Structure formats: structure tokens, C-alpha cells
Amino acid sequence: MNITVWNEYRHEKENQVVTDIYPEGIHSTIATFLEEDGHVLKTAILDEEEHGLTEEVLENTDVLVWWGHKAHDEVKDEIAEKVKQRVLDGMGLVVLHSAHFSKVFKKLMGTSCDLKWREADDRERMWVVDPTHPITEGLGEYIEIEKEEMYGEHFDIPTPEELIFVSWFEGGEVFRSGATFKRGRGKIFYFRPGHETYPTYYNKEVQQVIRNGVKWADNGGTPKNVYGNSQPLENISEK
């Protein structure tokens, strides 16, 4: 499938810790392991023309992977609206970590998408709560991440259509870390891990979830719905 990985690409240029972990950017790291599965990959960043999300790019994207954190407000409203419309039209969307606060995700959820957070090197244990779901293929009972940013409930999102992962953090909080939604013809997967100052996207189990997530989010070219005035399929007899 055709996958576009979008990233602000700001932390990597401004914070040496992040640069050392992701020298080519978070987007490049994610694109590299997804490309191994035979997908056609494109990356896009905030500072490109139209944030790299032109009409042509979006029309040719089966699944869009989105990472953002410090510059949500810099995403132009018209671009966020175009992405939202593409999701409604059938493009898959995988929303990673702090992209819960992105304009695109909030538009699609219709809520604040707010939560509790803490940067204190918490250990995270992310439990698989739906082991039959295709996004959990190849995983054990849980994923252990040595150090991560804590996200805690309440997470202000609509009730997920499917809850895939629930995290426990060393400080005592829990969080709905993997959830799916459907909007229009599009499928959305939110996946929590991935703070920029940790090497989370090198974790093979985290990579497996993202690999599974993009496969799940692809709608497989299902036919578009037809709305409006409709002619009868059969002759209507006169009464």
C-alpha cells in the first residue's frame, strides 16, 4: 500500500538528545521499518509547502501515519480539514503518541482529547486487552517499555469502538493506549507510545504494532457510498 508518514520534525532539529536518537527524524525511522514490509513510503514534514500534504499526496495515500507534539497550532486549518475529509473518504489514519492533540485527531474525535502526563522515566507495561484483534498479531500478553512519558486517565476521547491496549505506569496511572475508531469510510488507530526523548520506535514490538496498525487501517479500496436522490433498481408498479 501507499503510506505517508507525517512528522513535525522540530524536536530533532532543536534538541540534541532527540537528534542523537533520531538523526534522520522520527518519520524516517518509522518509514524505514514500514518499507521493509514492501509498502511504498513517502514522508512529509510541517515546514514543507502545504506541510507536504498536497492534494496529490493525499489522494495517493492509503494510510497516513501522524506524529506531532510542539507545533500542533502551526498546522494550517485548511490542511487539517483536507486530511479529515480524506479520512472520511476512506484513507486510513494511524495517530501516534502526542498527536492525540493534533488538529486532525481532535476534528475527527469531536472532543478535547486531553489527558494527564508526566516526564519522569516511568516504566510502562502495555497490556493486550483484545488478543484476537489483528493489530496484536505477533505479540505476547504485554509490551514492556523501560522508560516512557506517562499518559494517564481520564483521556477525553469518545468511547473507542475497539480497545486494544491498556497501559500501566510505574507511578500508578493507567491509560487506554491503543484504540480504534471509524469515521465515514476511514479507519483510525490511536497508539500511545513514542515520546521523542526515548528510543521507543526502535522497540521491535512497538514496530510490530505500527506495522499491524497500518495494515488494519487500510480500507482495501471498498466502494464509495452514493448519497442523494436515487433512481429505483426495480420498476415500481402503479397502485
C-alpha atoms as a PDB file:
ATOM      1  CA  MET A   1       0.000   0.000   0.000  1.00  0.00           C
ATOM      2  CA  ASN A   2       0.985   3.670  -0.254  1.00  0.00           C
ATOM      3  CA  ILE A   3       1.869   5.046   3.182  1.00  0.00           C
ATOM      4  CA  THR A   4       2.760   8.632   4.096  1.00  0.00           C
ATOM      5  CA  VAL A   5       4.494   9.268   7.429  1.00  0.00           C
ATOM      6  CA  TRP A   6       3.983  12.840   8.664  1.00  0.00           C
ATOM      7  CA  ASN A   7       6.109  14.439  11.369  1.00  0.00           C
ATOM      8  CA  GLU A   8       6.627  17.970  12.661  1.00  0.00           C
ATOM      9  CA  TYR A   9      10.403  17.380  12.536  1.00  0.00           C
ATOM     10  CA  ARG A  10      11.102  20.119  15.048  1.00  0.00           C
ATOM     11  CA  HIS A  11      12.438  18.355  18.160  1.00  0.00           C
ATOM     12  CA  GLU A  12      15.056  16.528  16.103  1.00  0.00           C
ATOM     13  CA  LYS A  13      16.475  19.858  14.886  1.00  0.00           C
ATOM     14  CA  GLU A  14      16.280  21.692  18.228  1.00  0.00           C
ATOM     15  CA  ASN A  15      17.088  19.112  20.921  1.00  0.00           C
ATOM     16  CA  GLN A  16      20.426  17.264  20.781  1.00  0.00           C
ATOM     17  CA  VAL A  17      19.031  14.350  22.821  1.00  0.00           C
ATOM     18  CA  VAL A  18      16.357  13.788  20.190  1.00  0.00           C
ATOM     19  CA  THR A  19      18.831  14.326  17.355  1.00  0.00           C
ATOM     20  CA  ASP A  20      21.077  11.611  18.769  1.00  0.00           C
ATOM     21  CA  ILE A  21      18.174   9.147  18.972  1.00  0.00           C
ATOM     22  CA  TYR A  22      16.532  10.008  15.634  1.00  0.00           C
ATOM     23  CA  PRO A  23      19.259  11.638  13.491  1.00  0.00           C
ATOM     24  CA  GLU A  24      17.112  11.458  10.337  1.00  0.00           C
ATOM     25  CA  GLY A  25      13.873  12.242  12.143  1.00  0.00           C
ATOM     26  CA  ILE A  26      11.151  10.130  13.739  1.00  0.00           C
ATOM     27  CA  HIS A  27       9.399   9.977  10.368  1.00  0.00           C
ATOM     28  CA  SER A  28      12.423   8.392   8.694  1.00  0.00           C
ATOM     29  CA  THR A  29      12.772   5.773  11.425  1.00  0.00           C
ATOM     30  CA  ILE A  30       9.124   4.757  11.075  1.00  0.00           C
ATOM     31  CA  ALA A  31       9.258   4.840   7.270  1.00  0.00           C
ATOM     32  CA  THR A  32      12.329   2.592   7.261  1.00  0.00           C
ATOM     33  CA  PHE A  33      10.748  -0.325   9.108  1.00  0.00           C
ATOM     34  CA  LEU A  34       7.435   0.016   7.257  1.00  0.00           C
ATOM     35  CA  GLU A  35       9.300  -0.058   3.952  1.00  0.00           C
ATOM     36  CA  GLU A  36      10.699  -3.460   4.929  1.00  0.00           C
ATOM     37  CA  ASP A  37       7.170  -4.853   4.533  1.00  0.00           C
ATOM     38  CA  GLY A  38       7.112  -3.868   0.871  1.00  0.00           C
ATOM     39  CA  HIS A  39       4.959  -0.756   1.202  1.00  0.00           C
ATOM     40  CA  VAL A  40       5.575   2.361  -0.870  1.00  0.00           C
ATOM     41  CA  LEU A  41       6.655   5.040   1.606  1.00  0.00           C
ATOM     42  CA  LYS A  42       6.603   8.815   1.469  1.00  0.00           C
ATOM     43  CA  THR A  43       7.436  11.225   4.280  1.00  0.00           C
ATOM     44  CA  ALA A  44       6.103  14.729   4.854  1.00  0.00           C
ATOM     45  CA  ILE A  45       7.009  17.394   7.415  1.00  0.00           C
ATOM     46  CA  LEU A  46       5.489  20.567   8.809  1.00  0.00           C
ATOM     47  CA  ASP A  47       7.836  23.037   7.125  1.00  0.00           C
ATOM     48  CA  GLU A  48       7.244  21.792   3.590  1.00  0.00           C
ATOM     49  CA  GLU A  49       4.837  23.531   1.235  1.00  0.00           C
ATOM     50  CA  GLU A  50       1.286  22.607   2.358  1.00  0.00           C
ATOM     51  CA  HIS A  51       3.036  20.660   5.153  1.00  0.00           C
ATOM     52  CA  GLY A  52       3.930  18.095   2.485  1.00  0.00           C
ATOM     53  CA  LEU A  53       0.265  17.106   2.226  1.00  0.00           C
ATOM     54  CA  THR A  54      -0.736  18.325  -1.212  1.00  0.00           C
ATOM     55  CA  GLU A  55      -3.894  17.127  -2.942  1.00  0.00           C
ATOM     56  CA  GLU A  56      -1.790  14.727  -4.992  1.00  0.00           C
ATOM     57  CA  VAL A  57      -0.046  13.268  -1.934  1.00  0.00           C
ATOM     58  CA  LEU A  58      -3.286  12.777  -0.008  1.00  0.00           C
ATOM     59  CA  GLU A  59      -5.125  11.285  -2.986  1.00  0.00           C
ATOM     60  CA  ASN A  60      -2.336   8.746  -3.396  1.00  0.00           C
ATOM     61  CA  THR A  61      -2.082   7.826   0.295  1.00  0.00           C
ATOM     62  CA  ASP A  62      -3.805   4.682   1.538  1.00  0.00           C
ATOM     63  CA  VAL A  63      -2.727   5.190   5.162  1.00  0.00           C
ATOM     64  CA  LEU A  64      -1.351   8.330   6.813  1.00  0.00           C
ATOM     65  CA  VAL A  65       0.801   7.968   9.953  1.00  0.00           C
ATOM     66  CA  TRP A  66       0.873  11.183  12.048  1.00  0.00           C
ATOM     67  CA  TRP A  67       3.364  12.265  14.749  1.00  0.00           C
ATOM     68  CA  GLY A  68       3.187  15.740  16.269  1.00  0.00           C
ATOM     69  CA  HIS A  69       3.861  17.430  19.600  1.00  0.00           C
ATOM     70  CA  LYS A  70       5.011  21.025  19.972  1.00  0.00           C
ATOM     71  CA  ALA A  71       3.610  22.642  16.840  1.00  0.00           C
ATOM     72  CA  HIS A  72       0.007  21.451  16.551  1.00  0.00           C
ATOM     73  CA  ASP A  73      -1.180  25.055  16.208  1.00  0.00           C
ATOM     74  CA  GLU A  74       1.121  25.628  13.224  1.00  0.00           C
ATOM     75  CA  VAL A  75      -0.778  23.123  11.106  1.00  0.00           C
ATOM     76  CA  LYS A  76      -2.998  25.178   8.841  1.00  0.00           C
ATOM     77  CA  ASP A  77      -6.704  24.685   9.438  1.00  0.00           C
ATOM     78  CA  GLU A  78      -7.368  24.101   5.749  1.00  0.00           C
ATOM     79  CA  ILE A  79      -4.755  21.311   5.622  1.00  0.00           C
ATOM     80  CA  ALA A  80      -6.185  19.655   8.736  1.00  0.00           C
ATOM     81  CA  GLU A  81      -9.629  19.846   7.168  1.00  0.00           C
ATOM     82  CA  LYS A  82      -8.349  18.265   3.941  1.00  0.00           C
ATOM     83  CA  VAL A  83      -6.826  15.395   5.911  1.00  0.00           C
ATOM     84  CA  LYS A  84     -10.051  14.922   7.850  1.00  0.00           C
ATOM     85  CA  GLN A  85     -12.027  14.781   4.598  1.00  0.00           C
ATOM     86  CA  ARG A  86      -9.653  12.203   3.124  1.00  0.00           C
ATOM     87  CA  VAL A  87     -10.194  10.037   6.199  1.00  0.00           C
ATOM     88  CA  LEU A  88     -13.957  10.359   5.777  1.00  0.00           C
ATOM     89  CA  ASP A  89     -13.456   9.364   2.142  1.00  0.00           C
ATOM     90  CA  GLY A  90     -11.541   6.231   3.115  1.00  0.00           C
ATOM     91  CA  MET A  91      -7.889   6.998   3.893  1.00  0.00           C
ATOM     92  CA  GLY A  92      -6.606   5.175   6.967  1.00  0.00           C
ATOM     93  CA  LEU A  93      -5.049   7.178   9.821  1.00  0.00           C
ATOM     94  CA  VAL A  94      -2.571   5.986  12.467  1.00  0.00           C
ATOM     95  CA  VAL A  95      -2.177   8.602  15.219  1.00  0.00           C
ATOM     96  CA  LEU A  96       0.953   8.272  17.355  1.00  0.00           C
ATOM     97  CA  HIS A  97       1.691   9.476  20.896  1.00  0.00           C
ATOM     98  CA  SER A  98       1.195  13.246  21.329  1.00  0.00           C
ATOM     99  CA  ALA A  99      -0.645  13.521  18.032  1.00  0.00           C
ATOM    100  CA  HIS A 100      -3.703  12.932  20.234  1.00  0.00           C
ATOM    101  CA  PHE A 101      -3.670  16.757  20.423  1.00  0.00           C
ATOM    102  CA  SER A 102      -3.322  17.286  16.679  1.00  0.00           C
ATOM    103  CA  LYS A 103      -5.965  19.304  14.884  1.00  0.00           C
ATOM    104  CA  VAL A 104      -6.732  16.324  12.671  1.00  0.00           C
ATOM    105  CA  PHE A 105      -7.416  13.890  15.536  1.00  0.00           C
ATOM    106  CA  LYS A 106      -9.456  16.405  17.536  1.00  0.00           C
ATOM    107  CA  LYS A 107     -11.564  17.230  14.474  1.00  0.00           C
ATOM    108  CA  LEU A 108     -12.294  13.552  13.935  1.00  0.00           C
ATOM    109  CA  MET A 109     -12.988  12.813  17.611  1.00  0.00           C
ATOM    110  CA  GLY A 110     -15.034  15.939  18.388  1.00  0.00           C
ATOM    111  CA  THR A 111     -13.597  16.140  21.934  1.00  0.00           C
ATOM    112  CA  SER A 112     -10.674  17.890  23.663  1.00  0.00           C
ATOM    113  CA  CYS A 113      -8.532  14.693  23.601  1.00  0.00           C
ATOM    114  CA  ASP A 114      -6.851  15.943  26.794  1.00  0.00           C
ATOM    115  CA  LEU A 115      -5.138  13.741  29.395  1.00  0.00           C
ATOM    116  CA  LYS A 116      -2.681  13.650  32.319  1.00  0.00           C
ATOM    117  CA  TRP A 117       1.061  13.433  31.560  1.00  0.00           C
ATOM    118  CA  ARG A 118       4.443  13.282  33.274  1.00  0.00           C
ATOM    119  CA  GLU A 119       8.058  13.019  32.112  1.00  0.00           C
ATOM    120  CA  ALA A 120       9.773  11.012  34.859  1.00  0.00           C
ATOM    121  CA  ASP A 121      11.242   7.912  33.145  1.00  0.00           C
ATOM    122  CA  ASP A 122       8.255   5.776  34.134  1.00  0.00           C
ATOM    123  CA  ARG A 123       8.349   2.105  33.246  1.00  0.00           C
ATOM    124  CA  GLU A 124       5.344   1.254  31.078  1.00  0.00           C
ATOM    125  CA  ARG A 125       3.632  -2.108  30.803  1.00  0.00           C
ATOM    126  CA  MET A 126       1.159  -2.074  27.951  1.00  0.00           C
ATOM    127  CA  TRP A 127      -1.308  -4.949  28.225  1.00  0.00           C
ATOM    128  CA  VAL A 128      -3.027  -6.557  25.260  1.00  0.00           C
ATOM    129  CA  VAL A 129      -6.728  -6.494  26.153  1.00  0.00           C
ATOM    130  CA  ASP A 130      -8.013  -7.779  22.807  1.00  0.00           C
ATOM    131  CA  PRO A 131      -5.702 -10.663  21.814  1.00  0.00           C
ATOM    132  CA  THR A 132      -7.965 -11.616  18.883  1.00  0.00           C
ATOM    133  CA  HIS A 133      -7.513  -8.260  17.141  1.00  0.00           C
ATOM    134  CA  PRO A 134      -5.243  -8.208  14.039  1.00  0.00           C
ATOM    135  CA  ILE A 135      -3.309  -5.238  15.457  1.00  0.00           C
ATOM    136  CA  THR A 136      -1.990  -7.549  18.209  1.00  0.00           C
ATOM    137  CA  GLU A 137      -0.709 -10.221  15.814  1.00  0.00           C
ATOM    138  CA  GLY A 138       2.754 -11.466  16.797  1.00  0.00           C
ATOM    139  CA  LEU A 139       2.644 -10.035  20.323  1.00  0.00           C
ATOM    140  CA  GLY A 140       2.639 -11.636  23.753  1.00  0.00           C
ATOM    141  CA  GLU A 141       0.438 -10.661  26.681  1.00  0.00           C
ATOM    142  CA  TYR A 142       2.061  -7.260  27.100  1.00  0.00           C
ATOM    143  CA  ILE A 143       4.789  -4.920  25.874  1.00  0.00           C
ATOM    144  CA  GLU A 144       7.312  -3.701  28.455  1.00  0.00           C
ATOM    145  CA  ILE A 145       8.934  -0.315  27.812  1.00  0.00           C
ATOM    146  CA  GLU A 146      11.744   0.551  30.217  1.00  0.00           C
ATOM    147  CA  LYS A 147      11.295   4.338  30.113  1.00  0.00           C
ATOM    148  CA  GLU A 148       8.479   6.412  28.640  1.00  0.00           C
ATOM    149  CA  GLU A 149       6.436   9.552  29.188  1.00  0.00           C
ATOM    150  CA  MET A 150       3.390   8.811  31.320  1.00  0.00           C
ATOM    151  CA  TYR A 151      -0.079   9.400  29.923  1.00  0.00           C
ATOM    152  CA  GLY A 152      -2.901   8.940  32.431  1.00  0.00           C
ATOM    153  CA  GLU A 153      -6.682   8.821  32.512  1.00  0.00           C
ATOM    154  CA  HIS A 154      -9.004  10.446  32.064  1.00  0.00           C
ATOM    155  CA  PHE A 155      -8.331  10.502  28.311  1.00  0.00           C
ATOM    156  CA  ASP A 156     -11.043  12.729  26.825  1.00  0.00           C
ATOM    157  CA  ILE A 157     -11.910  10.760  23.693  1.00  0.00           C
ATOM    158  CA  PRO A 158     -15.176   9.177  22.564  1.00  0.00           C
ATOM    159  CA  THR A 159     -15.670   5.607  23.718  1.00  0.00           C
ATOM    160  CA  PRO A 160     -13.405   3.580  21.408  1.00  0.00           C
ATOM    161  CA  GLU A 161     -15.071   1.198  19.023  1.00  0.00           C
ATOM    162  CA  GLU A 162     -12.317  -1.275  19.913  1.00  0.00           C
ATOM    163  CA  LEU A 163      -9.922  -1.083  22.855  1.00  0.00           C
ATOM    164  CA  ILE A 164      -6.683  -2.909  22.035  1.00  0.00           C
ATOM    165  CA  PHE A 165      -4.133  -1.905  24.710  1.00  0.00           C
ATOM    166  CA  VAL A 166      -4.253  -0.581  28.276  1.00  0.00           C
ATOM    167  CA  SER A 167      -1.038   0.730  29.870  1.00  0.00           C
ATOM    168  CA  TRP A 168       0.087   0.682  33.474  1.00  0.00           C
ATOM    169  CA  PHE A 169       2.795   3.113  34.556  1.00  0.00           C
ATOM    170  CA  GLU A 170       5.308   2.856  37.379  1.00  0.00           C
ATOM    171  CA  GLY A 171       3.793   5.902  39.069  1.00  0.00           C
ATOM    172  CA  GLY A 172       0.436   4.122  39.313  1.00  0.00           C
ATOM    173  CA  GLU A 173      -1.600   5.539  36.419  1.00  0.00           C
ATOM    174  CA  VAL A 174      -3.372   3.598  33.685  1.00  0.00           C
ATOM    175  CA  PHE A 175      -4.201   4.673  30.130  1.00  0.00           C
ATOM    176  CA  ARG A 176      -6.121   3.464  27.067  1.00  0.00           C
ATOM    177  CA  SER A 177      -3.049   3.205  24.860  1.00  0.00           C
ATOM    178  CA  GLY A 178      -4.471   1.549  21.775  1.00  0.00           C
ATOM    179  CA  ALA A 179      -7.921   2.321  20.417  1.00  0.00           C
ATOM    180  CA  THR A 180      -9.703   2.218  17.083  1.00  0.00           C
ATOM    181  CA  PHE A 181     -12.424   4.347  15.564  1.00  0.00           C
ATOM    182  CA  LYS A 182     -14.278   4.553  12.253  1.00  0.00           C
ATOM    183  CA  ARG A 183     -15.248   7.840  10.679  1.00  0.00           C
ATOM    184  CA  GLY A 184     -17.034   7.763   7.332  1.00  0.00           C
ATOM    185  CA  ARG A 185     -15.180   5.188   5.231  1.00  0.00           C
ATOM    186  CA  GLY A 186     -11.925   5.735   7.136  1.00  0.00           C
ATOM    187  CA  LYS A 187     -10.394   3.688   9.941  1.00  0.00           C
ATOM    188  CA  ILE A 188      -8.355   5.330  12.711  1.00  0.00           C
ATOM    189  CA  PHE A 189      -5.895   3.713  15.120  1.00  0.00           C
ATOM    190  CA  TYR A 190      -4.524   5.691  18.068  1.00  0.00           C
ATOM    191  CA  PHE A 191      -1.315   4.245  19.592  1.00  0.00           C
ATOM    192  CA  ARG A 192       0.216   5.912  22.649  1.00  0.00           C
ATOM    193  CA  PRO A 193       3.990   5.169  22.943  1.00  0.00           C
ATOM    194  CA  GLY A 194       6.634   7.334  21.279  1.00  0.00           C
ATOM    195  CA  HIS A 195       7.897  10.305  23.309  1.00  0.00           C
ATOM    196  CA  GLU A 196      10.721  11.926  21.358  1.00  0.00           C
ATOM    197  CA  THR A 197      13.429  11.681  24.044  1.00  0.00           C
ATOM    198  CA  TYR A 198      13.167   7.880  24.243  1.00  0.00           C
ATOM    199  CA  PRO A 199      14.163   5.303  21.577  1.00  0.00           C
ATOM    200  CA  THR A 200      10.670   3.796  21.605  1.00  0.00           C
ATOM    201  CA  TYR A 201      10.334   3.481  17.819  1.00  0.00           C
ATOM    202  CA  TYR A 202      13.332   1.112  17.750  1.00  0.00           C
ATOM    203  CA  ASN A 203      11.438  -1.322  20.013  1.00  0.00           C
ATOM    204  CA  LYS A 204      10.582  -4.316  17.814  1.00  0.00           C
ATOM    205  CA  GLU A 205       7.220  -4.916  19.497  1.00  0.00           C
ATOM    206  CA  VAL A 206       6.230  -1.262  19.084  1.00  0.00           C
ATOM    207  CA  GLN A 207       7.255  -1.526  15.440  1.00  0.00           C
ATOM    208  CA  GLN A 208       5.116  -4.658  15.091  1.00  0.00           C
ATOM    209  CA  VAL A 209       2.064  -2.806  16.402  1.00  0.00           C
ATOM    210  CA  ILE A 210       2.555   0.035  13.918  1.00  0.00           C
ATOM    211  CA  ARG A 211       3.072  -2.462  11.092  1.00  0.00           C
ATOM    212  CA  ASN A 212      -0.127  -4.234  12.072  1.00  0.00           C
ATOM    213  CA  GLY A 213      -1.911  -0.915  12.554  1.00  0.00           C
ATOM    214  CA  VAL A 214      -1.295   0.361   9.028  1.00  0.00           C
ATOM    215  CA  LYS A 215      -2.485  -2.947   7.567  1.00  0.00           C
ATOM    216  CA  TRP A 216      -5.664  -2.756   9.640  1.00  0.00           C
ATOM    217  CA  ALA A 217      -6.281   0.906   8.762  1.00  0.00           C
ATOM    218  CA  ASP A 218      -6.174   0.301   5.000  1.00  0.00           C
ATOM    219  CA  ASN A 219      -9.799   0.085   3.844  1.00  0.00           C
ATOM    220  CA  GLY A 220      -8.870  -2.147   0.908  1.00  0.00           C
ATOM    221  CA  GLY A 221     -10.471   0.064  -1.720  1.00  0.00           C
ATOM    222  CA  THR A 222     -14.031  -0.530  -0.602  1.00  0.00           C
ATOM    223  CA  PRO A 223     -16.544   1.181  -2.914  1.00  0.00           C
ATOM    224  CA  LYS A 224     -17.579   4.733  -2.134  1.00  0.00           C
ATOM    225  CA  ASN A 225     -21.035   5.300  -0.774  1.00  0.00           C
ATOM    226  CA  VAL A 226     -23.510   7.018  -3.079  1.00  0.00           C
ATOM    227  CA  TYR A 227     -25.810   9.577  -1.489  1.00  0.00           C
ATOM    228  CA  GLY A 228     -28.603  11.861  -2.641  1.00  0.00           C
ATOM    229  CA  ASN A 229     -31.584  11.273  -4.887  1.00  0.00           C
ATOM    230  CA  SER A 230     -31.588   7.693  -6.160  1.00  0.00           C
ATOM    231  CA  GLN A 231     -33.364   6.028  -9.070  1.00  0.00           C
ATOM    232  CA  PRO A 232     -35.171   2.746  -8.297  1.00  0.00           C
ATOM    233  CA  LEU A 233     -33.385  -0.512  -9.059  1.00  0.00           C
ATOM    234  CA  GLU A 234     -36.693  -2.207  -9.971  1.00  0.00           C
ATOM    235  CA  ASN A 235     -39.816  -0.991 -11.732  1.00  0.00           C
ATOM    236  CA  ILE A 236     -42.275   0.445  -9.260  1.00  0.00           C
ATOM    237  CA  SER A 237     -45.775  -0.768 -10.032  1.00  0.00           C
ATOM    238  CA  GLU A 238     -48.563   1.768 -10.152  1.00  0.00           C
ATOM    239  CA  LYS A 239     -51.029   1.466  -7.308  1.00  0.00           C
END
